[in-house]
Protein backbone atom coordinates (compact mmCIF):
# COMPACT_ATOMS: atom_id res chain seq x y z
CA MET A 1 28.78 62.42 3.41
CA VAL A 2 29.12 58.63 3.63
CA PHE A 3 31.31 58.89 6.80
CA ASP A 4 28.82 61.13 8.36
CA PHE A 5 26.00 58.61 7.75
CA LEU A 6 28.07 55.83 9.32
CA LYS A 7 28.59 57.82 12.46
CA ARG A 8 24.98 58.29 13.00
CA ALA A 9 23.21 56.38 16.17
CA PRO A 10 21.25 53.32 15.34
CA GLU A 11 18.07 54.70 16.83
CA VAL A 12 18.06 57.45 14.15
CA VAL A 13 17.97 55.01 11.21
CA ALA A 14 14.05 54.52 11.37
CA VAL A 15 13.53 57.19 8.79
CA GLU A 16 16.50 58.82 7.12
CA LYS A 17 14.68 61.37 4.72
CA LYS A 18 11.29 62.58 4.24
CA ALA A 19 9.87 63.57 0.93
CA SER A 20 9.62 67.26 0.30
CA ALA A 21 6.36 68.82 -0.51
CA THR A 22 7.59 70.10 -3.77
CA GLY A 23 10.29 67.71 -4.86
CA GLY A 24 8.61 64.53 -4.85
CA GLY A 25 11.39 62.71 -3.17
CA PHE A 26 11.33 59.11 -1.80
CA VAL A 27 11.16 58.09 1.94
CA THR A 28 14.48 55.99 2.73
CA GLU A 29 14.47 53.45 5.73
CA ALA A 30 17.47 51.77 7.04
CA LYS A 31 16.73 48.98 9.70
CA ALA A 32 19.18 47.38 11.88
CA SER A 33 19.55 45.59 15.12
CA ALA A 34 20.84 47.56 17.98
CA THR A 35 23.28 44.84 18.83
CA GLY A 36 24.45 44.28 15.34
CA ARG A 37 27.72 46.15 15.75
CA VAL A 38 28.39 44.15 18.96
CA VAL A 39 27.87 40.81 17.31
CA ALA A 40 29.96 41.71 14.31
CA PHE A 41 32.88 42.89 16.16
CA GLY A 42 32.65 41.52 19.69
CA SER A 43 34.71 38.36 19.00
CA SER A 44 37.58 40.07 17.30
CA GLY A 45 40.99 39.12 18.86
CA ARG A 46 39.53 36.84 21.50
CA VAL A 47 40.75 33.28 22.23
CA ALA A 48 38.61 30.49 21.05
CA TRP A 49 38.08 27.82 23.66
CA SER A 50 36.26 24.54 23.20
CA PRO A 51 32.83 24.02 24.81
CA ARG A 52 32.82 23.03 28.44
CA ASP A 53 29.71 20.75 28.39
CA ALA A 54 30.21 17.20 29.44
CA VAL A 55 29.61 15.70 25.97
CA SER A 56 32.08 18.24 24.19
CA LEU A 57 34.73 17.72 27.02
CA ALA A 58 34.57 13.83 26.64
CA ARG A 59 34.81 14.13 22.79
CA THR A 60 37.87 16.57 22.93
CA GLY A 61 39.53 15.51 26.09
CA PHE A 62 39.04 11.73 25.97
CA GLN A 63 38.36 10.71 22.30
CA GLY A 64 40.53 13.48 20.81
CA ASN A 65 43.44 13.81 23.25
CA PRO A 66 46.05 11.05 23.92
CA ILE A 67 47.08 12.48 27.45
CA GLY A 68 43.31 12.54 28.55
CA PHE A 69 42.62 9.27 27.04
CA ARG A 70 45.56 7.62 28.83
CA ALA A 71 45.05 9.26 32.13
CA VAL A 72 41.29 8.02 32.24
CA LYS A 73 42.27 4.53 31.11
CA LEU A 74 45.01 4.14 33.46
CA ILE A 75 42.93 5.14 36.46
CA ALA A 76 39.86 3.21 35.46
CA GLU A 77 41.65 0.13 34.61
CA ALA A 78 43.82 0.18 37.74
CA ALA A 79 40.82 0.89 39.91
CA ALA A 80 38.56 -1.80 38.32
CA ALA A 81 41.27 -4.43 38.81
CA LEU A 82 41.59 -4.04 42.54
CA PRO A 83 40.31 -7.06 44.45
CA LEU A 84 37.30 -6.43 46.58
CA VAL A 85 36.31 -8.05 49.77
CA LEU A 86 32.90 -8.10 51.59
CA GLN A 87 32.67 -7.92 55.29
CA ASP A 88 30.72 -6.62 58.14
CA ALA A 89 31.69 -6.07 61.85
CA GLU A 90 31.75 -9.82 62.60
CA ARG A 91 33.26 -11.60 59.62
CA ARG A 92 34.62 -11.45 56.14
CA TYR A 93 32.41 -13.35 53.66
CA GLU A 94 33.82 -15.87 51.14
CA SER A 95 30.39 -16.39 49.61
CA HIS A 96 27.49 -13.97 49.80
CA PRO A 97 24.69 -12.85 47.35
CA VAL A 98 26.23 -9.43 47.05
CA LEU A 99 29.45 -10.97 45.91
CA GLU A 100 27.68 -13.07 43.35
CA LEU A 101 25.98 -10.00 42.14
CA ILE A 102 29.18 -8.02 41.76
CA ARG A 103 31.05 -10.88 40.18
CA ARG A 104 28.52 -11.03 37.39
CA PRO A 105 26.34 -7.82 37.40
CA ASN A 106 24.74 -8.44 34.04
CA GLY A 107 24.74 -10.68 31.04
CA ALA A 108 27.26 -8.55 29.15
CA GLN A 109 29.60 -7.34 31.80
CA GLY A 110 31.81 -8.85 34.54
CA ARG A 111 32.96 -6.97 37.66
CA ALA A 112 35.94 -5.32 35.98
CA GLU A 113 34.01 -4.10 32.85
CA LEU A 114 31.19 -2.71 35.09
CA PHE A 115 33.51 -0.86 37.47
CA GLU A 116 35.77 0.49 34.68
CA ALA A 117 32.55 2.02 33.11
CA VAL A 118 31.74 3.53 36.51
CA TYR A 119 35.07 4.93 37.08
CA GLY A 120 35.29 6.25 33.52
CA HIS A 121 32.06 8.17 33.65
CA LEU A 122 33.07 9.62 37.24
CA LEU A 123 36.28 10.76 35.76
CA LEU A 124 34.95 12.23 32.53
CA SER A 125 31.79 13.97 33.87
CA GLY A 126 31.96 13.79 37.67
CA ASN A 127 28.90 11.68 37.90
CA ALA A 128 28.23 7.93 37.61
CA TYR A 129 24.89 6.08 37.58
CA LEU A 130 23.99 2.44 38.39
CA GLU A 131 20.70 1.02 37.68
CA ALA A 132 19.01 -1.91 39.70
CA VAL A 133 16.95 -4.17 37.67
CA PRO A 134 14.43 -5.88 39.91
CA GLY A 135 15.11 -9.57 40.48
CA ALA A 136 13.55 -12.60 42.19
CA GLY A 137 14.81 -11.92 45.68
CA ALA A 138 15.61 -8.90 47.66
CA LEU A 139 18.62 -7.94 45.81
CA PRO A 140 18.58 -6.66 42.20
CA GLY A 141 18.86 -9.25 39.54
CA GLU A 142 21.09 -7.12 37.45
CA LEU A 143 23.21 -3.99 37.63
CA HIS A 144 23.81 -1.65 34.66
CA VAL A 145 25.85 1.50 34.11
CA LEU A 146 23.93 4.34 32.66
CA ARG A 147 25.43 7.09 30.62
CA SER A 148 25.86 10.22 32.78
CA ASP A 149 25.31 12.62 29.77
CA ARG A 150 21.70 11.16 29.30
CA MET A 151 20.71 11.38 33.01
CA ALA A 152 19.18 14.31 34.57
CA LEU A 153 18.19 14.59 38.28
CA VAL A 154 14.80 15.96 39.27
CA PRO A 155 14.97 17.69 42.67
CA GLY A 156 12.04 18.02 45.00
CA ALA A 157 10.85 20.78 47.09
CA ASP A 158 13.37 20.09 49.79
CA GLY A 159 16.23 19.80 47.25
CA TRP A 160 16.63 15.98 47.49
CA PRO A 161 16.19 13.94 44.29
CA VAL A 162 12.81 12.71 43.63
CA ALA A 163 13.40 11.07 40.41
CA TYR A 164 16.05 10.63 37.60
CA ASP A 165 15.19 11.10 33.88
CA TYR A 166 17.02 9.00 31.35
CA THR A 167 16.61 10.45 27.89
CA VAL A 168 17.57 8.47 24.57
CA GLY A 169 16.55 9.51 21.29
CA GLY A 170 13.88 11.94 22.37
CA ARG A 171 12.16 9.40 24.66
CA THR A 172 12.54 9.78 28.39
CA HIS A 173 12.17 7.09 30.99
CA ARG A 174 11.69 8.29 34.70
CA PHE A 175 13.13 6.41 37.59
CA ALA A 176 11.08 7.37 40.61
CA VAL A 177 12.81 7.51 44.09
CA SER A 178 11.12 6.70 47.26
CA PRO A 179 12.44 6.01 50.81
CA ASP A 180 11.79 2.23 50.18
CA VAL A 181 13.06 1.98 46.62
CA GLN A 182 16.29 3.37 45.36
CA PRO A 183 16.49 2.32 41.64
CA ILE A 184 19.50 4.53 40.83
CA CYS A 185 22.75 4.71 42.78
CA HIS A 186 24.25 8.23 41.94
CA ILE A 187 27.89 8.55 42.70
CA LYS A 188 29.41 11.94 42.25
CA THR A 189 32.53 13.92 42.94
CA PHE A 190 32.80 17.12 45.02
CA HIS A 191 31.57 20.23 43.32
CA PRO A 192 31.69 23.48 45.24
CA GLN A 193 28.97 25.25 43.19
CA ASP A 194 26.55 22.55 42.38
CA ASP A 195 24.17 20.55 44.67
CA HIS A 196 23.23 17.85 42.52
CA TYR A 197 26.14 17.11 40.01
CA GLY A 198 29.76 16.41 40.52
CA PHE A 199 32.93 18.23 39.08
CA SER A 200 35.19 16.17 36.61
CA PRO A 201 38.93 16.54 36.28
CA LEU A 202 38.31 17.21 32.63
CA GLN A 203 36.63 20.54 33.52
CA ALA A 204 39.66 21.54 35.52
CA ALA A 205 42.04 20.63 32.87
CA ALA A 206 39.84 22.11 30.07
CA VAL A 207 42.53 25.01 29.37
CA ALA A 208 45.38 22.64 29.24
CA LEU A 209 43.51 20.30 26.94
CA ASP A 210 42.94 23.15 24.45
CA VAL A 211 46.68 24.10 24.52
CA HIS A 212 47.79 20.64 23.98
CA THR A 213 45.29 19.78 21.28
CA SER A 214 46.18 23.06 19.34
CA ALA A 215 49.88 22.18 19.79
CA SER A 216 49.25 18.82 18.13
CA ALA A 217 47.33 20.43 15.34
CA TRP A 218 50.16 22.93 14.93
CA SER A 219 52.76 20.06 14.65
CA LYS A 220 50.55 18.38 12.11
CA ALA A 221 50.51 21.53 10.01
CA LEU A 222 54.20 21.71 10.17
CA LEU A 223 54.66 18.15 9.06
CA ASP A 224 52.31 18.82 6.15
CA ASN A 225 54.78 21.51 5.26
CA ALA A 226 57.69 19.10 5.01
CA ALA A 227 58.63 19.86 8.62
CA ARG A 228 60.57 22.87 7.72
CA PRO A 229 60.26 26.58 8.39
CA SER A 230 59.36 29.03 5.74
CA GLY A 231 61.84 30.73 3.58
CA ALA A 232 62.29 33.29 1.00
CA ILE A 233 63.21 33.18 -2.66
CA VAL A 234 65.21 36.47 -3.67
CA TYR A 235 65.43 37.26 -7.22
CA LYS A 236 68.16 39.53 -8.61
CA GLY A 237 68.26 39.68 -12.43
CA ALA A 238 71.43 40.07 -14.58
CA ASP A 239 70.82 43.77 -15.23
CA GLY A 240 70.00 44.65 -11.61
CA GLN A 241 66.25 44.26 -11.87
CA SER A 242 64.55 42.97 -8.78
CA GLN A 243 60.95 42.22 -10.14
CA LEU A 244 59.80 39.11 -11.93
CA THR A 245 57.36 39.33 -14.82
CA ASN A 246 53.79 38.13 -14.41
CA ASP A 247 54.52 34.90 -16.31
CA GLN A 248 57.84 34.25 -14.41
CA TYR A 249 56.09 34.71 -11.16
CA ASP A 250 53.04 32.30 -12.07
CA ARG A 251 55.40 29.79 -13.18
CA LEU A 252 57.58 29.88 -10.04
CA LEU A 253 54.52 29.81 -7.76
CA SER A 254 53.21 26.75 -9.64
CA GLU A 255 56.37 24.92 -9.38
CA MET A 256 56.62 25.51 -5.50
CA GLU A 257 53.20 24.35 -4.96
CA SER A 258 53.41 21.15 -6.97
CA HIS A 259 56.94 19.98 -6.38
CA HIS A 260 58.14 21.41 -3.15
CA GLN A 261 55.21 21.63 -0.65
CA GLY A 262 53.75 18.76 1.30
CA ALA A 263 55.00 15.83 3.24
CA ARG A 264 55.44 13.78 0.09
CA ASN A 265 57.98 16.26 -1.16
CA ALA A 266 60.11 16.36 1.95
CA GLY A 267 63.72 16.47 1.11
CA ARG A 268 63.37 17.05 -2.61
CA PRO A 269 66.13 19.33 -3.89
CA MET A 270 65.18 22.71 -5.22
CA LEU A 271 66.46 23.69 -8.63
CA LEU A 272 66.53 27.41 -9.11
CA GLU A 273 67.31 29.29 -12.42
CA GLY A 274 69.67 32.25 -12.81
CA GLY A 275 68.88 35.16 -10.60
CA LEU A 276 66.87 33.13 -7.93
CA ASP A 277 68.37 32.51 -4.54
CA TRP A 278 66.80 30.68 -1.58
CA LYS A 279 67.11 32.23 1.83
CA PRO A 280 65.94 29.75 4.56
CA MET A 281 64.54 31.34 7.63
CA GLY A 282 65.38 29.41 10.95
CA PHE A 283 63.07 28.75 13.84
CA SER A 284 62.49 31.64 16.09
CA PRO A 285 63.04 31.26 19.85
CA SER A 286 59.29 31.06 20.51
CA ASP A 287 59.25 28.14 17.93
CA MET A 288 61.97 26.50 19.84
CA GLU A 289 59.80 26.80 23.13
CA PHE A 290 56.80 25.35 21.56
CA GLN A 291 57.44 21.82 22.42
CA LYS A 292 58.12 22.74 26.10
CA THR A 293 54.54 24.45 26.19
CA LYS A 294 53.21 21.23 24.84
CA GLU A 295 54.77 19.12 27.64
CA ALA A 296 53.66 21.49 30.19
CA ALA A 297 50.15 21.29 28.91
CA ALA A 298 50.34 17.49 29.19
CA ARG A 299 51.77 17.69 32.60
CA GLU A 300 48.88 19.82 33.77
CA ILE A 301 46.41 17.40 32.39
CA ALA A 302 48.07 14.60 34.25
CA ILE A 303 48.21 16.40 37.48
CA ALA A 304 44.45 17.25 37.10
CA PHE A 305 43.70 13.56 37.07
CA GLY A 306 46.10 12.81 39.77
CA VAL A 307 48.42 10.60 37.55
CA PRO A 308 52.25 11.23 38.11
CA PRO A 309 53.74 12.56 34.95
CA MET A 310 56.40 9.90 35.09
CA LEU A 311 53.80 7.23 34.53
CA MET A 312 52.47 8.94 31.28
CA GLY A 313 55.80 9.15 29.65
CA ILE A 314 56.05 12.87 30.10
CA PRO A 315 59.65 14.03 30.26
CA GLY A 316 61.02 16.83 32.64
CA ASP A 317 59.40 15.55 35.84
CA ALA A 318 61.80 14.73 38.79
CA THR A 319 59.30 14.75 41.61
CA TYR A 320 59.58 11.07 42.32
CA ALA A 321 62.93 9.28 42.94
CA ASN A 322 62.01 6.40 40.75
CA TYR A 323 59.25 4.73 38.84
CA GLN A 324 58.23 2.61 41.79
CA GLU A 325 57.67 5.52 44.10
CA ALA A 326 55.54 7.20 41.40
CA ASN A 327 53.39 3.95 41.00
CA ARG A 328 52.95 3.70 44.71
CA ALA A 329 51.95 7.41 45.02
CA PHE A 330 49.35 6.88 42.16
CA TYR A 331 47.71 4.04 43.93
CA ARG A 332 47.86 5.66 47.32
CA LEU A 333 46.65 9.17 46.44
CA THR A 334 44.47 8.47 43.22
CA VAL A 335 43.23 4.92 42.86
CA LEU A 336 42.46 3.94 46.47
CA PRO A 337 40.46 7.16 47.24
CA LEU A 338 38.50 6.72 44.07
CA VAL A 339 37.69 2.96 44.92
CA SER A 340 36.86 3.65 48.40
CA ARG A 341 34.15 6.36 47.41
CA VAL A 342 32.80 4.12 44.76
CA THR A 343 32.69 0.86 46.90
CA ALA A 344 31.13 2.81 49.91
CA SER A 345 28.35 4.11 47.92
CA VAL A 346 27.60 0.77 46.12
CA SER A 347 27.69 -0.97 49.54
CA HIS A 348 25.17 1.36 51.13
CA TRP A 349 23.00 1.30 48.22
CA LEU A 350 22.89 -2.59 48.05
CA SER A 351 22.50 -2.78 51.85
CA GLY A 352 19.04 -0.87 51.24
CA PHE A 353 17.78 -3.80 49.31
CA THR A 354 18.89 -6.52 51.83
CA GLY A 355 18.90 -4.66 55.17
CA GLU A 356 22.50 -6.12 56.06
CA ALA A 357 25.09 -3.72 57.01
CA VAL A 358 27.75 -5.23 54.73
CA GLU A 359 30.69 -3.27 53.19
CA LEU A 360 32.64 -3.66 49.96
CA ARG A 361 36.14 -2.51 50.20
CA PRO A 362 39.48 -3.00 48.34
CA ASP A 363 41.68 -5.62 49.67
CA LEU A 364 44.96 -3.72 50.50
CA ASP A 365 46.88 -6.89 51.05
CA GLN A 366 46.52 -8.10 47.39
CA ILE A 367 47.85 -4.83 45.74
CA PRO A 368 51.25 -5.24 44.56
CA ALA A 369 52.14 -1.58 44.50
CA LEU A 370 51.39 -1.34 48.19
CA ALA A 371 53.07 -4.53 49.20
CA VAL A 372 55.99 -2.76 50.92
CA GLU A 373 53.89 -0.55 52.97
CA ARG A 374 51.52 -3.33 54.00
CA ASP A 375 54.47 -5.53 55.10
CA GLN A 376 55.73 -2.65 57.36
CA GLN A 377 52.36 -1.95 58.80
CA TRP A 378 51.86 -5.72 59.54
CA ALA A 379 55.32 -5.73 61.21
CA ARG A 380 54.67 -2.67 63.43
CA VAL A 381 51.27 -3.87 64.38
CA GLY A 382 52.58 -7.33 65.12
CA ALA A 383 55.35 -6.06 67.36
CA ALA A 384 53.05 -3.91 69.41
CA ASP A 385 52.80 -5.88 72.56
CA PHE A 386 50.55 -3.51 74.21
CA LEU A 387 47.75 -4.10 71.83
CA THR A 388 45.19 -6.83 72.03
CA SER A 389 44.55 -9.16 68.96
CA ALA A 390 41.15 -7.49 68.46
CA GLU A 391 42.75 -4.09 68.46
CA LYS A 392 45.38 -5.25 66.04
CA ARG A 393 42.79 -6.70 63.62
CA VAL A 394 40.79 -3.25 63.80
CA LEU A 395 44.13 -1.48 62.85
CA LEU A 396 44.63 -3.85 59.87
CA GLY A 397 40.92 -3.50 58.65
CA LEU A 398 40.11 -7.04 59.52
CA PRO A 399 36.77 -8.20 61.14
CA ARG A 400 36.75 -9.41 64.65
CA LEU A 401 37.21 -13.13 65.48
CA ALA A 402 34.37 -15.18 66.79
CA GLU A 403 35.78 -15.51 70.29
CA ASP A 404 36.52 -11.75 70.36
CA ALA A 405 32.88 -11.07 69.31
CA GLY A 406 31.69 -13.53 72.06
CA ALA A 407 33.78 -11.89 74.78
């Protein structure tokens, strides 16, 4: 009878039994949601992944994972430390209002701190926002980095942004965008499925981050268990009996929990009374491969950020001949493209205030990791007799000389 009731369809449970005219019975109603059984059993046996929003990814992938933290810090600090030059088509400036603004963008940050925050937000969320505070002249008086998780783009009818909403503590400030005034410089990475926001390396490495974090939690649990695999205590009495009494079992369990579990009891010898024998269980092959799984996840995280695993101290990677080659590849393939993207956006944004077509760019001749490449390029260009001096300067990324401009 009970099993027949459980098999009934949910839509039949509105009224289960009607009162008979002569028996005086009661009406029994059973109410339930049609999706109740789906909610109850839908998650059974499924893998639990961490949330994929920007705030959760930053918390788990940067604040809670050493590989993600080191990758972001390594890229952001290296990119922020690159020397920058300001030039136009005619000259390279030693002194300029844009350079002065970049050297000290606000009262609390210098150039390195400001750009490190920009690169950090770009790597963590795929978006970075700079605010221009109006100053006395044409240029902004100060530049500030705004948190990307608090910013929301407001698109217009044509899809282009008409405003940016910055929300803190339930209050929202709107930065209106017009053709004449651009109070916000929005820098974003490429996203194939979003028109307004960028795609961060953390999103691509989210699965590897979950694997690496879970592996670290498993290692911590193993250490809490005195870093030893489980075993079994086999009892064989003198008369052949193989079962402990209730009092013996409770006493043995209490002794094990109080004297032989936890990291503080690691290495303590076990004293077993007559009839008790300890049978240790070794690591299974899957346990022995566990560390390799963790290293593979760490390598995937580093690759997603564009950091050679050798620079992160991850073993088992033999792609680069030596550390110097790995460092050169890191600057050439990861740091320089990122710096070029950010400085080009900032240059274009600041040029809108002054009307000057000036450009910020990294000074390749002052990057130690690229010194060998630059020396070779200078030697090749200098030995090319078929090139004019103006053409050589263009190839080296230098502005034209005054006499070349006059000619």
